[in-house]
Amino acid sequence: MEFKRPDDILVDCVLPFCAQTTDFAPLFVAEAYDNVEKKIKEIRLESYRGKWVILFFYASDFTFV
């Protein structure tokens, strides 16, 4: 499987994919709560290109690992 990075570098991607600290995050669209506007809105990772971003995720049942 071939994976194309945003900077046009082609690399081989072996499944299952294991993310490394030097890997780009996949582009995605998700709903998030905007505390300023006090509503849920759609966000896109590509909107933050060139900025520092922290991606936080958790198990759907809040299981501690």
PDB file of N, CA and C in Angstrom:
ATOM      1  N   MET A   1       0.849  -1.181   0.000  1.00  0.00           N
ATOM      2  CA  MET A   1       0.000   0.000   0.000  1.00  0.00           C
ATOM      3  C   MET A   1       0.890   1.237   0.000  1.00  0.00           C
ATOM      4  N   GLU A   2       0.552   2.205  -0.801  1.00  0.00           N
ATOM      5  CA  GLU A   2       1.346   3.419  -0.883  1.00  0.00           C
ATOM      6  C   GLU A   2       0.579   4.555  -0.215  1.00  0.00           C
ATOM      7  N   PHE A   3       1.256   5.342   0.598  1.00  0.00           N
ATOM      8  CA  PHE A   3       0.649   6.447   1.342  1.00  0.00           C
ATOM      9  C   PHE A   3       1.327   7.726   0.912  1.00  0.00           C
ATOM     10  N   LYS A   4       0.550   8.709   0.453  1.00  0.00           N
ATOM     11  CA  LYS A   4       1.124   9.972  -0.004  1.00  0.00           C
ATOM     12  C   LYS A   4       0.991  11.019   1.086  1.00  0.00           C
ATOM     13  N   ARG A   5       2.119  11.543   1.530  1.00  0.00           N
ATOM     14  CA  ARG A   5       2.130  12.580   2.548  1.00  0.00           C
ATOM     15  C   ARG A   5       1.849  13.936   1.906  1.00  0.00           C
ATOM     16  N   PRO A   6       1.378  14.903   2.699  1.00  0.00           N
ATOM     17  CA  PRO A   6       1.090  16.231   2.163  1.00  0.00           C
ATOM     18  C   PRO A   6       2.279  16.911   1.495  1.00  0.00           C
ATOM     19  N   ASP A   7       3.488  16.593   1.898  1.00  0.00           N
ATOM     20  CA  ASP A   7       4.659  17.222   1.288  1.00  0.00           C
ATOM     21  C   ASP A   7       5.133  16.444   0.064  1.00  0.00           C
ATOM     22  N   ASP A   8       4.257  15.609  -0.499  1.00  0.00           N
ATOM     23  CA  ASP A   8       4.496  14.848  -1.719  1.00  0.00           C
ATOM     24  C   ASP A   8       5.593  13.793  -1.604  1.00  0.00           C
ATOM     25  N   ILE A   9       5.901  13.351  -0.400  1.00  0.00           N
ATOM     26  CA  ILE A   9       6.857  12.263  -0.207  1.00  0.00           C
ATOM     27  C   ILE A   9       6.060  10.959  -0.223  1.00  0.00           C
ATOM     28  N   LEU A  10       6.479  10.021  -1.051  1.00  0.00           N
ATOM     29  CA  LEU A  10       5.807   8.728  -1.104  1.00  0.00           C
ATOM     30  C   LEU A  10       6.583   7.732  -0.261  1.00  0.00           C
ATOM     31  N   VAL A  11       5.865   7.008   0.582  1.00  0.00           N
ATOM     32  CA  VAL A  11       6.495   5.999   1.427  1.00  0.00           C
ATOM     33  C   VAL A  11       5.653   4.739   1.391  1.00  0.00           C
ATOM     34  N   ASP A  12       6.272   3.613   1.682  1.00  0.00           N
ATOM     35  CA  ASP A  12       5.527   2.363   1.789  1.00  0.00           C
ATOM     36  C   ASP A  12       4.902   2.287   3.167  1.00  0.00           C
ATOM     37  N   CYS A  13       3.655   1.894   3.215  1.00  0.00           N
ATOM     38  CA  CYS A  13       2.934   1.764   4.475  1.00  0.00           C
ATOM     39  C   CYS A  13       2.614   0.301   4.689  1.00  0.00           C
ATOM     40  N   VAL A  14       3.129  -0.280   5.745  1.00  0.00           N
ATOM     41  CA  VAL A  14       2.892  -1.677   6.056  1.00  0.00           C
ATOM     42  C   VAL A  14       1.726  -1.763   7.030  1.00  0.00           C
ATOM     43  N   LEU A  15       0.779  -2.649   6.729  1.00  0.00           N
ATOM     44  CA  LEU A  15      -0.366  -2.828   7.622  1.00  0.00           C
ATOM     45  C   LEU A  15      -0.066  -3.946   8.586  1.00  0.00           C
ATOM     46  N   PRO A  16      -0.444  -3.935   9.844  1.00  0.00           N
ATOM     47  CA  PRO A  16      -1.157  -2.814  10.450  1.00  0.00           C
ATOM     48  C   PRO A  16      -0.225  -1.622  10.656  1.00  0.00           C
ATOM     49  N   PHE A  17      -0.778  -0.455  10.474  1.00  0.00           N
ATOM     50  CA  PHE A  17      -0.003   0.776  10.578  1.00  0.00           C
ATOM     51  C   PHE A  17       0.248   1.118  12.046  1.00  0.00           C
ATOM     52  N   CYS A  18       1.482   1.383  12.376  1.00  0.00           N
ATOM     53  CA  CYS A  18       1.857   1.810  13.719  1.00  0.00           C
ATOM     54  C   CYS A  18       2.438   3.211  13.626  1.00  0.00           C
ATOM     55  N   ALA A  19       1.768   4.181  14.179  1.00  0.00           N
ATOM     56  CA  ALA A  19       2.212   5.573  14.100  1.00  0.00           C
ATOM     57  C   ALA A  19       3.508   5.774  14.874  1.00  0.00           C
ATOM     58  N   GLN A  20       4.380   6.569  14.302  1.00  0.00           N
ATOM     59  CA  GLN A  20       5.640   6.949  14.930  1.00  0.00           C
ATOM     60  C   GLN A  20       5.599   8.448  15.206  1.00  0.00           C
ATOM     61  N   THR A  21       6.473   8.929  16.060  1.00  0.00           N
ATOM     62  CA  THR A  21       6.475  10.352  16.411  1.00  0.00           C
ATOM     63  C   THR A  21       6.803  11.245  15.222  1.00  0.00           C
ATOM     64  N   THR A  22       7.441  10.718  14.206  1.00  0.00           N
ATOM     65  CA  THR A  22       7.789  11.517  13.033  1.00  0.00           C
ATOM     66  C   THR A  22       6.745  11.442  11.918  1.00  0.00           C
ATOM     67  N   ASP A  23       5.683  10.665  12.110  1.00  0.00           N
ATOM     68  CA  ASP A  23       4.640  10.504  11.093  1.00  0.00           C
ATOM     69  C   ASP A  23       3.662  11.671  11.091  1.00  0.00           C
ATOM     70  N   PHE A  24       3.134  11.956   9.915  1.00  0.00           N
ATOM     71  CA  PHE A  24       2.068  12.944   9.803  1.00  0.00           C
ATOM     72  C   PHE A  24       0.763  12.310  10.257  1.00  0.00           C
ATOM     73  N   ALA A  25      -0.096  13.096  10.885  1.00  0.00           N
ATOM     74  CA  ALA A  25      -1.426  12.606  11.255  1.00  0.00           C
ATOM     75  C   ALA A  25      -2.278  12.573   9.999  1.00  0.00           C
ATOM     76  N   PRO A  26      -3.155  11.584   9.871  1.00  0.00           N
ATOM     77  CA  PRO A  26      -4.029  11.554   8.703  1.00  0.00           C
ATOM     78  C   PRO A  26      -5.009  12.720   8.746  1.00  0.00           C
ATOM     79  N   LEU A  27      -5.322  13.283   7.587  1.00  0.00           N
ATOM     80  CA  LEU A  27      -6.290  14.376   7.542  1.00  0.00           C
ATOM     81  C   LEU A  27      -7.659  13.827   7.925  1.00  0.00           C
ATOM     82  N   PHE A  28      -8.414  14.597   8.697  1.00  0.00           N
ATOM     83  CA  PHE A  28      -9.739  14.146   9.127  1.00  0.00           C
ATOM     84  C   PHE A  28     -10.655  15.337   9.342  1.00  0.00           C
ATOM     85  N   VAL A  29     -11.940  15.038   9.408  1.00  0.00           N
ATOM     86  CA  VAL A  29     -12.980  16.005   9.749  1.00  0.00           C
ATOM     87  C   VAL A  29     -13.726  15.408  10.933  1.00  0.00           C
ATOM     88  N   ALA A  30     -14.000  16.228  11.951  1.00  0.00           N
ATOM     89  CA  ALA A  30     -14.692  15.737  13.146  1.00  0.00           C
ATOM     90  C   ALA A  30     -15.521  16.856  13.761  1.00  0.00           C
ATOM     91  N   GLU A  31     -16.426  16.473  14.630  1.00  0.00           N
ATOM     92  CA  GLU A  31     -17.193  17.457  15.384  1.00  0.00           C
ATOM     93  C   GLU A  31     -16.487  17.708  16.707  1.00  0.00           C
ATOM     94  N   ALA A  32     -16.478  18.973  17.128  1.00  0.00           N
ATOM     95  CA  ALA A  32     -15.832  19.345  18.385  1.00  0.00           C
ATOM     96  C   ALA A  32     -16.622  20.480  19.022  1.00  0.00           C
ATOM     97  N   TYR A  33     -16.541  20.570  20.334  1.00  0.00           N
ATOM     98  CA  TYR A  33     -17.232  21.638  21.055  1.00  0.00           C
ATOM     99  C   TYR A  33     -16.363  22.891  21.057  1.00  0.00           C
ATOM    100  N   ASP A  34     -16.937  23.982  20.596  1.00  0.00           N
ATOM    101  CA  ASP A  34     -16.255  25.278  20.585  1.00  0.00           C
ATOM    102  C   ASP A  34     -16.691  26.025  21.837  1.00  0.00           C
ATOM    103  N   ASN A  35     -15.788  26.188  22.787  1.00  0.00           N
ATOM    104  CA  ASN A  35     -16.127  26.812  24.068  1.00  0.00           C
ATOM    105  C   ASN A  35     -16.359  28.313  23.930  1.00  0.00           C
ATOM    106  N   VAL A  36     -15.835  28.946  22.885  1.00  0.00           N
ATOM    107  CA  VAL A  36     -16.042  30.378  22.662  1.00  0.00           C
ATOM    108  C   VAL A  36     -17.458  30.619  22.128  1.00  0.00           C
ATOM    109  N   GLU A  37     -17.837  29.845  21.094  1.00  0.00           N
ATOM    110  CA  GLU A  37     -19.165  29.998  20.496  1.00  0.00           C
ATOM    111  C   GLU A  37     -20.238  29.201  21.221  1.00  0.00           C
ATOM    112  N   LYS A  38     -19.817  28.350  22.170  1.00  0.00           N
ATOM    113  CA  LYS A  38     -20.728  27.521  22.973  1.00  0.00           C
ATOM    114  C   LYS A  38     -21.607  26.623  22.104  1.00  0.00           C
ATOM    115  N   LYS A  39     -20.979  25.980  21.097  1.00  0.00           N
ATOM    116  CA  LYS A  39     -21.725  25.050  20.254  1.00  0.00           C
ATOM    117  C   LYS A  39     -20.774  24.030  19.641  1.00  0.00           C
ATOM    118  N   ILE A  40     -21.340  22.962  19.126  1.00  0.00           N
ATOM    119  CA  ILE A  40     -20.566  21.937  18.439  1.00  0.00           C
ATOM    120  C   ILE A  40     -20.396  22.380  16.993  1.00  0.00           C
ATOM    121  N   LYS A  41     -19.162  22.276  16.483  1.00  0.00           N
ATOM    122  CA  LYS A  41     -18.911  22.652  15.098  1.00  0.00           C
ATOM    123  C   LYS A  41     -17.965  21.649  14.460  1.00  0.00           C
ATOM    124  N   GLU A  42     -17.894  21.687  13.147  1.00  0.00           N
ATOM    125  CA  GLU A  42     -17.027  20.784  12.401  1.00  0.00           C
ATOM    126  C   GLU A  42     -15.623  21.369  12.319  1.00  0.00           C
ATOM    127  N   ILE A  43     -14.628  20.537  12.602  1.00  0.00           N
ATOM    128  CA  ILE A  43     -13.241  20.967  12.479  1.00  0.00           C
ATOM    129  C   ILE A  43     -12.531  20.074  11.469  1.00  0.00           C
ATOM    130  N   ARG A  44     -11.515  20.613  10.831  1.00  0.00           N
ATOM    131  CA  ARG A  44     -10.690  19.883   9.865  1.00  0.00           C
ATOM    132  C   ARG A  44      -9.235  20.044  10.278  1.00  0.00           C
ATOM    133  N   LEU A  45      -8.514  18.947  10.307  1.00  0.00           N
ATOM    134  CA  LEU A  45      -7.098  19.021  10.672  1.00  0.00           C
ATOM    135  C   LEU A  45      -6.339  19.931   9.711  1.00  0.00           C
ATOM    136  N   GLU A  46      -6.689  19.911   8.432  1.00  0.00           N
ATOM    137  CA  GLU A  46      -5.966  20.740   7.462  1.00  0.00           C
ATOM    138  C   GLU A  46      -6.109  22.231   7.745  1.00  0.00           C
ATOM    139  N   SER A  47      -7.108  22.638   8.534  1.00  0.00           N
ATOM    140  CA  SER A  47      -7.272  24.047   8.906  1.00  0.00           C
ATOM    141  C   SER A  47      -6.157  24.526   9.840  1.00  0.00           C
ATOM    142  N   TYR A  48      -5.448  23.592  10.446  1.00  0.00           N
ATOM    143  CA  TYR A  48      -4.403  23.927  11.405  1.00  0.00           C
ATOM    144  C   TYR A  48      -3.009  23.724  10.832  1.00  0.00           C
ATOM    145  N   ARG A  49      -2.894  23.578   9.511  1.00  0.00           N
ATOM    146  CA  ARG A  49      -1.594  23.363   8.865  1.00  0.00           C
ATOM    147  C   ARG A  49      -0.637  24.505   9.237  1.00  0.00           C
ATOM    148  N   GLY A  50       0.584  24.139   9.640  1.00  0.00           N
ATOM    149  CA  GLY A  50       1.591  25.125  10.019  1.00  0.00           C
ATOM    150  C   GLY A  50       1.504  25.557  11.473  1.00  0.00           C
ATOM    151  N   LYS A  51       0.544  25.009  12.222  1.00  0.00           N
ATOM    152  CA  LYS A  51       0.382  25.360  13.639  1.00  0.00           C
ATOM    153  C   LYS A  51       0.659  24.118  14.484  1.00  0.00           C
ATOM    154  N   TRP A  52       0.976  24.344  15.737  1.00  0.00           N
ATOM    155  CA  TRP A  52       1.140  23.244  16.673  1.00  0.00           C
ATOM    156  C   TRP A  52      -0.240  22.724  17.057  1.00  0.00           C
ATOM    157  N   VAL A  53      -0.401  21.397  17.041  1.00  0.00           N
ATOM    158  CA  VAL A  53      -1.693  20.777  17.352  1.00  0.00           C
ATOM    159  C   VAL A  53      -1.447  19.599  18.290  1.00  0.00           C
ATOM    160  N   ILE A  54      -2.289  19.471  19.282  1.00  0.00           N
ATOM    161  CA  ILE A  54      -2.264  18.298  20.159  1.00  0.00           C
ATOM    162  C   ILE A  54      -3.521  17.502  19.863  1.00  0.00           C
ATOM    163  N   LEU A  55      -3.342  16.248  19.446  1.00  0.00           N
ATOM    164  CA  LEU A  55      -4.477  15.371  19.191  1.00  0.00           C
ATOM    165  C   LEU A  55      -4.688  14.508  20.425  1.00  0.00           C
ATOM    166  N   PHE A  56      -5.871  14.590  20.981  1.00  0.00           N
ATOM    167  CA  PHE A  56      -6.197  13.830  22.186  1.00  0.00           C
ATOM    168  C   PHE A  56      -7.325  12.874  21.846  1.00  0.00           C
ATOM    169  N   PHE A  57      -7.180  11.629  22.208  1.00  0.00           N
ATOM    170  CA  PHE A  57      -8.249  10.659  21.994  1.00  0.00           C
ATOM    171  C   PHE A  57      -8.274   9.711  23.178  1.00  0.00           C
ATOM    172  N   TYR A  58      -9.366   9.015  23.319  1.00  0.00           N
ATOM    173  CA  TYR A  58      -9.542   8.117  24.454  1.00  0.00           C
ATOM    174  C   TYR A  58     -10.438   6.961  24.040  1.00  0.00           C
ATOM    175  N   ALA A  59     -10.392   5.918  24.828  1.00  0.00           N
ATOM    176  CA  ALA A  59     -11.285   4.775  24.572  1.00  0.00           C
ATOM    177  C   ALA A  59     -12.724   5.214  24.778  1.00  0.00           C
ATOM    178  N   SER A  60     -13.626   4.686  23.983  1.00  0.00           N
ATOM    179  CA  SER A  60     -15.019   5.126  24.052  1.00  0.00           C
ATOM    180  C   SER A  60     -15.677   4.818  25.390  1.00  0.00           C
ATOM    181  N   ASP A  61     -15.123   3.880  26.130  1.00  0.00           N
ATOM    182  CA  ASP A  61     -15.716   3.552  27.429  1.00  0.00           C
ATOM    183  C   ASP A  61     -14.870   4.095  28.590  1.00  0.00           C
ATOM    184  N   PHE A  62     -13.916   4.972  28.289  1.00  0.00           N
ATOM    185  CA  PHE A  62     -13.030   5.587  29.288  1.00  0.00           C
ATOM    186  C   PHE A  62     -12.234   4.566  30.082  1.00  0.00           C
ATOM    187  N   THR A  63     -11.902   3.437  29.459  1.00  0.00           N
ATOM    188  CA  THR A  63     -11.099   2.411  30.115  1.00  0.00           C
ATOM    189  C   THR A  63      -9.686   2.933  30.343  1.00  0.00           C
ATOM    190  N   PHE A  64      -9.169   2.763  31.527  1.00  0.00           N
ATOM    191  CA  PHE A  64      -7.802   3.159  31.810  1.00  0.00           C
ATOM    192  C   PHE A  64      -6.853   2.054  31.393  1.00  0.00           C
ATOM    193  N   VAL A  65      -5.820   2.430  30.672  1.00  0.00           N
ATOM    194  CA  VAL A  65      -4.875   1.422  30.161  1.00  0.00           C
ATOM    195  C   VAL A  65      -3.559   1.572  30.912  1.00  0.00           C
TER     196      VAL A  65
END
